Amino acid sequence: MLEPDQEEISLPKATVQKIVGEILPDGYSFTKDAREALIECCIEFLMIVSTESNDIADRELKKTISTDHVLAALKNLGFGEYLPTLFHIIDQFKISSKIREKKIGSKFRSSGLSEEELLKKQEELFKASRDKLRQQNN
C-alpha cells in the first residue's frame, strides 16, 4: 500500500496498456487488476532506483541525479545485464535530441519572428486550446 503522501503517484494507464499490448502475443490480454498490479510494481521499481540514484549522487556531493547515477544504481541493484541496452538507448536519445534541437533552431530562425512574438503566439494558442476544452466540458 502506498504511503498517504504518495497515493497520487501513478503511471498513465493508456501508456502501460500500450506497452503491455506491444509485448503480449496476439490473443492475450491483461485484466484490469493485473494492469494495476503491474503499475504498482513499476512505481515501486522507479522509487527504488530513484532512491539508490539519489544516494549515489549524495555520496558524490551532487544535487542533480545524472545518467551515470541511474546506471550505477541499476548495477548496484542487480540489473547490470541491462546496461548495454541502456547505453544504446542513451546514445540514440542523444542523437535524436541533437536532430530535434537543429530542427527547432531552424524553425525559429526561418519563422522570421522574434522570441517575444513567438511566445505571444504560443500563449494565444494555449488560451484557444483551453477555451475549446472548457466549451467541450460545458
Protein backbone atom coordinates (compact mmCIF):
# COMPACT_ATOMS: atom_id res chain seq x y z
CA MET A 1 0.00 0.00 0.00
CA LEU A 2 1.29 3.45 -0.88
CA GLU A 3 2.03 5.93 1.87
CA PRO A 4 -0.57 8.74 2.20
CA ASP A 5 1.67 11.37 0.56
CA GLN A 6 2.35 9.01 -2.34
CA GLU A 7 -1.24 7.95 -3.05
CA GLU A 8 -1.44 10.07 -6.18
CA ILE A 9 1.74 8.69 -7.73
CA SER A 10 0.78 6.67 -10.77
CA LEU A 11 1.63 5.91 -14.37
CA PRO A 12 -0.66 6.70 -17.28
CA LYS A 13 -2.90 3.67 -17.75
CA ALA A 14 -3.02 4.16 -21.53
CA THR A 15 0.78 4.11 -21.71
CA VAL A 16 1.00 0.97 -19.61
CA GLN A 17 -1.73 -0.66 -21.72
CA LYS A 18 0.17 0.24 -24.91
CA ILE A 19 3.44 -1.22 -23.60
CA VAL A 20 1.71 -4.38 -22.40
CA GLY A 21 -0.17 -4.67 -25.69
CA GLU A 22 3.08 -4.47 -27.66
CA ILE A 23 4.70 -7.17 -25.54
CA LEU A 24 1.89 -9.70 -25.30
CA PRO A 25 1.29 -12.13 -28.18
CA ASP A 26 -1.90 -11.74 -30.23
CA GLY A 27 -4.94 -13.05 -28.45
CA TYR A 28 -3.60 -12.38 -24.94
CA SER A 29 -4.68 -9.57 -22.66
CA PHE A 30 -4.26 -8.23 -19.13
CA THR A 31 -7.09 -7.95 -16.63
CA LYS A 32 -7.64 -4.57 -15.01
CA ASP A 33 -6.37 -5.98 -11.69
CA ALA A 34 -3.23 -7.33 -13.34
CA ARG A 35 -2.60 -3.96 -15.02
CA GLU A 36 -2.99 -2.17 -11.68
CA ALA A 37 -0.59 -4.62 -10.02
CA LEU A 38 1.91 -4.06 -12.82
CA ILE A 39 1.61 -0.28 -12.40
CA GLU A 40 2.23 -0.61 -8.65
CA CYS A 41 5.31 -2.76 -9.33
CA CYS A 42 6.63 -0.24 -11.84
CA ILE A 43 6.14 2.63 -9.40
CA GLU A 44 7.93 0.69 -6.66
CA PHE A 45 10.80 -0.11 -9.06
CA LEU A 46 11.11 3.55 -10.04
CA MET A 47 11.14 4.59 -6.38
CA ILE A 48 13.86 2.06 -5.52
CA VAL A 49 16.04 3.10 -8.48
CA SER A 50 15.42 6.80 -7.72
CA THR A 51 16.37 6.36 -4.07
CA GLU A 52 19.54 4.45 -4.94
CA SER A 53 20.43 7.04 -7.62
CA ASN A 54 19.89 9.82 -5.11
CA ASP A 55 22.09 8.06 -2.53
CA ILE A 56 24.88 7.75 -5.10
CA ALA A 57 24.55 11.43 -6.04
CA ASP A 58 24.60 12.38 -2.34
CA ARG A 59 27.83 10.43 -1.79
CA GLU A 60 29.35 12.41 -4.67
CA LEU A 61 28.00 15.63 -3.13
CA LYS A 62 25.86 16.24 -6.22
CA LYS A 63 22.42 17.80 -6.10
CA THR A 64 21.40 16.61 -9.57
CA ILE A 65 20.99 12.94 -10.43
CA SER A 66 22.77 12.17 -13.69
CA THR A 67 22.54 9.29 -16.12
CA ASP A 68 25.70 7.86 -14.55
CA HIS A 69 24.00 7.81 -11.14
CA VAL A 70 20.99 5.93 -12.53
CA LEU A 71 23.20 3.42 -14.35
CA ALA A 72 25.28 2.86 -11.20
CA ALA A 73 22.07 2.40 -9.19
CA LEU A 74 20.82 -0.24 -11.62
CA LYS A 75 24.14 -2.05 -11.39
CA ASN A 76 24.10 -1.88 -7.57
CA LEU A 77 20.55 -3.24 -7.53
CA GLY A 78 21.48 -6.25 -9.65
CA PHE A 79 20.29 -5.05 -13.06
CA GLY A 80 23.74 -4.82 -14.63
CA GLU A 81 22.78 -7.07 -17.54
CA TYR A 82 20.55 -4.26 -18.86
CA LEU A 83 23.38 -1.71 -19.04
CA PRO A 84 24.49 -2.46 -22.64
CA THR A 85 20.90 -1.96 -23.84
CA LEU A 86 20.60 1.23 -21.81
CA PHE A 87 23.87 2.60 -23.21
CA HIS A 88 22.46 2.02 -26.70
CA ILE A 89 19.17 3.76 -25.81
CA ILE A 90 21.04 6.70 -24.26
CA ASP A 91 23.15 7.08 -27.40
CA GLN A 92 20.00 7.03 -29.57
CA PHE A 93 18.40 9.65 -27.32
CA LYS A 94 21.43 11.94 -27.61
CA ILE A 95 21.38 11.65 -31.40
CA SER A 96 17.63 12.32 -31.67
CA SER A 97 17.94 15.26 -29.24
CA LYS A 98 20.62 16.87 -31.41
CA ILE A 99 18.48 16.40 -34.52
CA ARG A 100 15.44 17.86 -32.72
CA GLU A 101 17.47 20.86 -31.50
CA LYS A 102 18.66 21.55 -35.05
CA LYS A 103 15.08 21.38 -36.38
CA ILE A 104 13.76 23.67 -33.65
CA GLY A 105 16.58 26.15 -34.19
CA SER A 106 15.96 26.09 -37.92
CA LYS A 107 12.21 26.63 -37.49
CA PHE A 108 12.85 29.51 -35.09
CA ARG A 109 15.23 31.24 -37.49
CA SER A 110 13.06 30.65 -40.55
CA SER A 111 9.88 31.91 -38.86
CA GLY A 112 11.07 35.50 -39.13
CA LEU A 113 9.53 36.26 -35.73
CA SER A 114 11.30 37.38 -32.57
CA GLU A 115 11.31 35.19 -29.49
CA GLU A 116 8.80 37.54 -27.83
CA GLU A 117 6.46 37.29 -30.83
CA LEU A 118 6.70 33.51 -30.83
CA LEU A 119 5.99 33.34 -27.08
CA LYS A 120 2.97 35.61 -27.53
CA LYS A 121 1.71 33.40 -30.36
CA GLN A 122 2.24 30.30 -28.21
CA GLU A 123 0.26 31.84 -25.33
CA GLU A 124 -2.58 32.65 -27.75
CA LEU A 125 -2.63 29.04 -28.94
CA PHE A 126 -2.67 27.76 -25.35
CA LYS A 127 -5.55 30.11 -24.50
CA ALA A 128 -7.53 28.99 -27.56
CA SER A 129 -6.94 25.37 -26.60
CA ARG A 130 -8.06 25.96 -23.00
CA ASP A 131 -11.18 27.80 -24.23
CA LYS A 132 -12.03 24.96 -26.60
CA LEU A 133 -11.59 22.40 -23.80
CA ARG A 134 -13.84 24.42 -21.49
CA GLN A 135 -16.52 24.59 -24.18
CA GLN A 136 -16.37 20.83 -24.67
CA ASN A 137 -16.72 20.26 -20.91
CA ASN A 138 -19.80 22.52 -20.65
